[in-house]
Amino acid sequence: MNECNPQLENGHTRIANELLDAVIRYPFNGTEQAIVLLIMRRTYGWSKKKAFISYKEIKDATGKDIRNIKKYVKKLIEEKVIIKEACKGKNVFSLNKRYSGWRLWINT
């Protein structure tokens, strides 16, 4: 990311506007939003529904403290925003695209 000349042909993330709008409207804090965006990037950005992502990769990509990352990943799972599965001892993350079921919106 040294260049200030982004081009679509160098990669892009295809995502439904409706889902992106939900992410924009949901009251995430900065760390939560960074985690959600990273999961979107690693899944939809690579034309996948799920992706192996370690906590260290999240830390390296976001620059956030790993303890906070673990705390907010747990919270995002509880709020039904993201889904975490284990496969061969690794974390597999995906975004719950059924955003109307995200917990905070259900509770308000």
C-alpha atoms as a PDB file:
ATOM      1  CA  MET A   1       0.000   0.000   0.000  1.00  0.00           C
ATOM      2  CA  ASN A   2       2.784   2.412  -0.839  1.00  0.00           C
ATOM      3  CA  GLU A   3       1.091   3.763  -3.931  1.00  0.00           C
ATOM      4  CA  CYS A   4      -1.714   6.302  -3.896  1.00  0.00           C
ATOM      5  CA  ASN A   5      -3.241   5.185  -7.169  1.00  0.00           C
ATOM      6  CA  PRO A   6      -5.851   2.489  -6.443  1.00  0.00           C
ATOM      7  CA  GLN A   7      -7.240   0.723  -9.487  1.00  0.00           C
ATOM      8  CA  LEU A   8     -10.054  -1.831  -9.707  1.00  0.00           C
ATOM      9  CA  GLU A   9      -7.914  -4.081 -11.881  1.00  0.00           C
ATOM     10  CA  ASN A  10      -5.532  -4.434  -8.910  1.00  0.00           C
ATOM     11  CA  GLY A  11      -8.331  -6.014  -6.880  1.00  0.00           C
ATOM     12  CA  HIS A  12     -11.699  -5.041  -5.491  1.00  0.00           C
ATOM     13  CA  THR A  13     -14.354  -6.320  -3.108  1.00  0.00           C
ATOM     14  CA  ARG A  14     -17.730  -7.074  -4.593  1.00  0.00           C
ATOM     15  CA  ILE A  15     -20.469  -6.693  -1.995  1.00  0.00           C
ATOM     16  CA  ALA A  16     -24.181  -6.013  -2.128  1.00  0.00           C
ATOM     17  CA  ASN A  17     -24.966  -2.354  -1.407  1.00  0.00           C
ATOM     18  CA  GLU A  18     -27.739  -3.428   0.974  1.00  0.00           C
ATOM     19  CA  LEU A  19     -25.254  -5.331   3.143  1.00  0.00           C
ATOM     20  CA  LEU A  20     -22.702  -2.536   3.037  1.00  0.00           C
ATOM     21  CA  ASP A  21     -25.440  -0.079   4.052  1.00  0.00           C
ATOM     22  CA  ALA A  22     -26.255  -2.309   7.045  1.00  0.00           C
ATOM     23  CA  VAL A  23     -22.599  -2.279   8.111  1.00  0.00           C
ATOM     24  CA  ILE A  24     -22.552   1.518   7.795  1.00  0.00           C
ATOM     25  CA  ARG A  25     -25.727   1.935   9.884  1.00  0.00           C
ATOM     26  CA  TYR A  26     -24.909  -0.576  12.636  1.00  0.00           C
ATOM     27  CA  PRO A  27     -23.401   1.114  15.724  1.00  0.00           C
ATOM     28  CA  PHE A  28     -20.011  -0.617  15.698  1.00  0.00           C
ATOM     29  CA  ASN A  29     -17.098   0.858  17.604  1.00  0.00           C
ATOM     30  CA  GLY A  30     -13.866   1.318  15.641  1.00  0.00           C
ATOM     31  CA  THR A  31     -12.357  -2.074  16.465  1.00  0.00           C
ATOM     32  CA  GLU A  32     -15.598  -3.926  15.718  1.00  0.00           C
ATOM     33  CA  GLN A  33     -15.957  -2.173  12.386  1.00  0.00           C
ATOM     34  CA  ALA A  34     -12.342  -2.937  11.467  1.00  0.00           C
ATOM     35  CA  ILE A  35     -12.899  -6.639  12.233  1.00  0.00           C
ATOM     36  CA  VAL A  36     -16.119  -6.751  10.194  1.00  0.00           C
ATOM     37  CA  LEU A  37     -14.492  -4.982   7.247  1.00  0.00           C
ATOM     38  CA  LEU A  38     -11.502  -7.327   7.367  1.00  0.00           C
ATOM     39  CA  ILE A  39     -13.793 -10.364   7.316  1.00  0.00           C
ATOM     40  CA  MET A  40     -15.662  -8.851   4.358  1.00  0.00           C
ATOM     41  CA  ARG A  41     -12.353  -8.212   2.595  1.00  0.00           C
ATOM     42  CA  ARG A  42     -11.037 -11.736   3.203  1.00  0.00           C
ATOM     43  CA  THR A  43     -14.299 -13.389   2.159  1.00  0.00           C
ATOM     44  CA  TYR A  44     -16.174 -11.347  -0.435  1.00  0.00           C
ATOM     45  CA  GLY A  45     -12.931  -9.718  -1.599  1.00  0.00           C
ATOM     46  CA  TRP A  46     -11.596 -13.140  -2.516  1.00  0.00           C
ATOM     47  CA  SER A  47     -14.960 -14.441  -3.817  1.00  0.00           C
ATOM     48  CA  LYS A  48     -15.457 -16.715  -0.815  1.00  0.00           C
ATOM     49  CA  LYS A  49     -18.201 -17.072   1.797  1.00  0.00           C
ATOM     50  CA  LYS A  50     -15.809 -18.136   4.591  1.00  0.00           C
ATOM     51  CA  ALA A  51     -12.129 -17.636   5.266  1.00  0.00           C
ATOM     52  CA  PHE A  52      -9.406 -18.923   7.573  1.00  0.00           C
ATOM     53  CA  ILE A  53      -8.303 -15.857   9.558  1.00  0.00           C
ATOM     54  CA  SER A  54      -6.108 -16.008  12.653  1.00  0.00           C
ATOM     55  CA  TYR A  55      -6.278 -13.486  15.460  1.00  0.00           C
ATOM     56  CA  LYS A  56      -2.713 -12.496  14.563  1.00  0.00           C
ATOM     57  CA  GLU A  57      -3.813 -11.736  10.989  1.00  0.00           C
ATOM     58  CA  ILE A  58      -6.610  -9.542  12.351  1.00  0.00           C
ATOM     59  CA  LYS A  59      -4.098  -7.818  14.635  1.00  0.00           C
ATOM     60  CA  ASP A  60      -1.630  -7.251  11.808  1.00  0.00           C
ATOM     61  CA  ALA A  61      -4.311  -5.953   9.414  1.00  0.00           C
ATOM     62  CA  THR A  62      -6.056  -3.648  11.894  1.00  0.00           C
ATOM     63  CA  GLY A  63      -3.202  -2.597  14.167  1.00  0.00           C
ATOM     64  CA  LYS A  64      -5.454  -3.291  17.155  1.00  0.00           C
ATOM     65  CA  ASP A  65      -4.462  -5.013  20.408  1.00  0.00           C
ATOM     66  CA  ILE A  66      -5.011  -8.779  20.232  1.00  0.00           C
ATOM     67  CA  ARG A  67      -6.833  -8.835  23.611  1.00  0.00           C
ATOM     68  CA  ASN A  68      -9.342  -6.308  22.291  1.00  0.00           C
ATOM     69  CA  ILE A  69      -9.663  -8.251  19.054  1.00  0.00           C
ATOM     70  CA  LYS A  70     -10.576 -11.435  20.932  1.00  0.00           C
ATOM     71  CA  LYS A  71     -13.024  -9.527  23.136  1.00  0.00           C
ATOM     72  CA  TYR A  72     -14.758  -7.865  20.186  1.00  0.00           C
ATOM     73  CA  VAL A  73     -14.791 -11.019  18.048  1.00  0.00           C
ATOM     74  CA  LYS A  74     -16.621 -12.729  20.917  1.00  0.00           C
ATOM     75  CA  LYS A  75     -19.060  -9.804  21.127  1.00  0.00           C
ATOM     76  CA  LEU A  76     -19.658  -9.807  17.344  1.00  0.00           C
ATOM     77  CA  ILE A  77     -20.393 -13.530  17.490  1.00  0.00           C
ATOM     78  CA  GLU A  78     -22.823 -13.025  20.380  1.00  0.00           C
ATOM     79  CA  GLU A  79     -24.515 -10.215  18.436  1.00  0.00           C
ATOM     80  CA  LYS A  80     -24.819 -12.608  15.471  1.00  0.00           C
ATOM     81  CA  VAL A  81     -22.888 -10.254  13.163  1.00  0.00           C
ATOM     82  CA  ILE A  82     -20.113 -12.715  12.389  1.00  0.00           C
ATOM     83  CA  ILE A  83     -19.932 -16.494  12.447  1.00  0.00           C
ATOM     84  CA  LYS A  84     -16.876 -18.365  13.707  1.00  0.00           C
ATOM     85  CA  GLU A  85     -16.272 -22.038  13.060  1.00  0.00           C
ATOM     86  CA  ALA A  86     -13.285 -24.218  13.853  1.00  0.00           C
ATOM     87  CA  CYS A  87     -11.709 -26.309  11.129  1.00  0.00           C
ATOM     88  CA  LYS A  88      -8.519 -28.269  11.736  1.00  0.00           C
ATOM     89  CA  GLY A  89      -7.750 -26.061  14.740  1.00  0.00           C
ATOM     90  CA  LYS A  90      -8.058 -22.833  12.738  1.00  0.00           C
ATOM     91  CA  ASN A  91     -10.621 -20.037  12.889  1.00  0.00           C
ATOM     92  CA  VAL A  92     -13.020 -19.856   9.972  1.00  0.00           C
ATOM     93  CA  PHE A  93     -14.924 -16.567   9.854  1.00  0.00           C
ATOM     94  CA  SER A  94     -17.857 -15.359   7.805  1.00  0.00           C
ATOM     95  CA  LEU A  95     -20.237 -12.424   7.913  1.00  0.00           C
ATOM     96  CA  ASN A  96     -23.867 -13.121   8.771  1.00  0.00           C
ATOM     97  CA  LYS A  97     -25.431 -11.482   5.746  1.00  0.00           C
ATOM     98  CA  ARG A  98     -28.908 -11.751   7.326  1.00  0.00           C
ATOM     99  CA  TYR A  99     -28.329  -8.414   9.016  1.00  0.00           C
ATOM    100  CA  SER A 100     -31.910  -8.089  10.301  1.00  0.00           C
ATOM    101  CA  GLY A 101     -30.927 -10.780  12.816  1.00  0.00           C
ATOM    102  CA  TRP A 102     -27.959  -8.881  14.180  1.00  0.00           C
ATOM    103  CA  ARG A 103     -28.721  -8.826  17.909  1.00  0.00           C
ATOM    104  CA  LEU A 104     -28.572  -5.109  18.669  1.00  0.00           C
ATOM    105  CA  TRP A 105     -31.281  -4.400  16.127  1.00  0.00           C
ATOM    106  CA  ILE A 106     -33.471  -7.148  17.579  1.00  0.00           C
ATOM    107  CA  ASN A 107     -33.132  -5.740  21.112  1.00  0.00           C
ATOM    108  CA  THR A 108     -34.063  -2.159  20.221  1.00  0.00           C
END
